[in-house]
Every structure is written in C-alpha cells, then in structure tokens.
Amino acid sequence: PQDYVLRLINAAGGVKLAAWTSPPSGQSPDKTVEHDVVVPVAAAGPLAACDLYGHESRIPVTNGSLTLRLGGATQYITVNPSR
C-alpha cells in the first residue's frame, strides 16, 4: 500500500514512470524499506532510468515487465521518449 508508480505523458506523447515507496503509515521517512516490485510495461528494453540525484542507469524489460528496486527517493524511467 506504500508503493507508487505514476505514468506521466507529455504533450508530445513521451511516457515516463515515476516510482517510489513510502514508510508505513505514521512512521518517519527513515523507516522506508527498499524492496523490488514488478511493473508491466508495453515497451522493449532496456529502458533509461534516472534517480533523484541524476544518476542514470538502464533497466531490462523481461517478458513485458521491469523489476524496480523501490526506495524513498523517486526514480524516473523513460518508457517512450518524446517524438
């Protein structure tokens, strides 16, 4: 219930995901527990990802899904670049 994945679409049709988790209800941010989640995507990989600090990486797509390591800091995954 504390996991969030938002699909963001710009005017040019570019699609990015913003993903993060939060601490249990009533807990402080330092109680956030990192964990993996599987997210279905309609894309071929690997996909470009960027963390809150601007560090870039590539995330493989396997069988129409990506596995994300969620933490308290938002990460951004480019699914479909702007045209």
Protein backbone atom coordinates (compact mmCIF):
# COMPACT_ATOMS: atom_id res chain seq x y z
CA PRO A 1 0.00 0.00 0.00
CA GLN A 2 3.00 2.36 0.27
CA ASP A 3 4.25 1.75 -3.30
CA TYR A 4 3.60 4.31 -6.03
CA VAL A 5 4.15 4.12 -9.80
CA LEU A 6 2.80 7.00 -11.85
CA ARG A 7 2.63 7.07 -15.64
CA LEU A 8 3.38 10.56 -16.94
CA ILE A 9 2.64 11.56 -20.54
CA ASN A 10 3.75 14.88 -22.04
CA ALA A 11 2.13 16.79 -24.91
CA ALA A 12 4.48 15.16 -27.43
CA GLY A 13 3.42 11.66 -26.33
CA GLY A 14 6.55 10.87 -24.33
CA VAL A 15 5.91 8.44 -21.46
CA LYS A 16 7.86 8.22 -18.21
CA LEU A 17 7.20 6.37 -14.99
CA ALA A 18 7.86 7.91 -11.59
CA ALA A 19 8.25 5.24 -8.89
CA TRP A 20 8.88 5.25 -5.13
CA THR A 21 7.71 3.80 -1.84
CA SER A 22 6.92 5.45 1.47
CA PRO A 23 7.25 4.35 5.10
CA PRO A 24 4.41 2.56 6.87
CA SER A 25 1.57 4.85 7.95
CA GLY A 26 2.58 7.08 10.86
CA GLN A 27 6.29 6.20 10.56
CA SER A 28 9.17 8.57 9.82
CA PRO A 29 10.86 8.57 6.37
CA ASP A 30 13.87 6.64 7.72
CA LYS A 31 11.54 3.64 8.21
CA THR A 32 11.09 3.22 4.44
CA VAL A 33 12.07 -0.32 3.44
CA GLU A 34 13.63 -0.81 -0.01
CA HIS A 35 12.17 -3.72 -1.97
CA ASP A 36 11.63 -4.97 -5.51
CA VAL A 37 8.37 -4.69 -7.44
CA VAL A 38 7.47 -5.97 -10.90
CA VAL A 39 5.78 -3.43 -13.19
CA PRO A 40 4.20 -4.40 -16.53
CA VAL A 41 5.24 -2.17 -19.45
CA ALA A 42 4.41 -2.06 -23.14
CA ALA A 43 7.99 -1.46 -24.22
CA ALA A 44 11.15 -3.22 -25.25
CA GLY A 45 14.18 -2.74 -23.07
CA PRO A 46 16.46 -1.89 -21.62
CA LEU A 47 14.83 1.37 -20.53
CA ALA A 48 16.66 4.50 -19.39
CA ALA A 49 16.25 5.35 -15.72
CA CYS A 50 17.33 8.34 -13.66
CA ASP A 51 17.34 8.65 -9.89
CA LEU A 52 16.67 11.70 -7.74
CA TYR A 53 20.33 12.72 -7.94
CA GLY A 54 20.60 12.49 -11.74
CA HIS A 55 22.44 9.15 -11.84
CA GLU A 56 21.46 7.28 -14.97
CA SER A 57 21.11 3.53 -15.46
CA ARG A 58 19.39 1.01 -17.74
CA ILE A 59 16.66 -1.36 -16.56
CA PRO A 60 16.00 -4.53 -18.58
CA VAL A 61 12.49 -5.45 -19.71
CA THR A 62 11.78 -9.17 -19.30
CA ASN A 63 8.56 -10.71 -20.62
CA GLY A 64 6.84 -7.32 -20.75
CA SER A 65 7.79 -6.30 -17.21
CA LEU A 66 10.54 -4.45 -15.38
CA THR A 67 11.74 -5.09 -11.89
CA LEU A 68 12.25 -1.89 -9.93
CA ARG A 69 14.00 -1.50 -6.59
CA LEU A 70 11.76 0.98 -4.79
CA GLY A 71 13.05 3.24 -2.05
CA GLY A 72 12.08 6.59 -0.59
CA ALA A 73 13.69 8.55 -3.44
CA THR A 74 11.73 8.83 -6.67
CA GLN A 75 13.19 7.25 -9.79
CA TYR A 76 12.15 8.11 -13.33
CA ILE A 77 12.01 5.55 -16.15
CA THR A 78 11.64 6.59 -19.79
CA VAL A 79 9.21 4.17 -21.43
CA ASN A 80 8.59 6.05 -24.67
CA PRO A 81 10.74 9.13 -25.42
CA SER A 82 9.10 12.27 -26.82
CA ARG A 83 8.77 12.15 -30.55
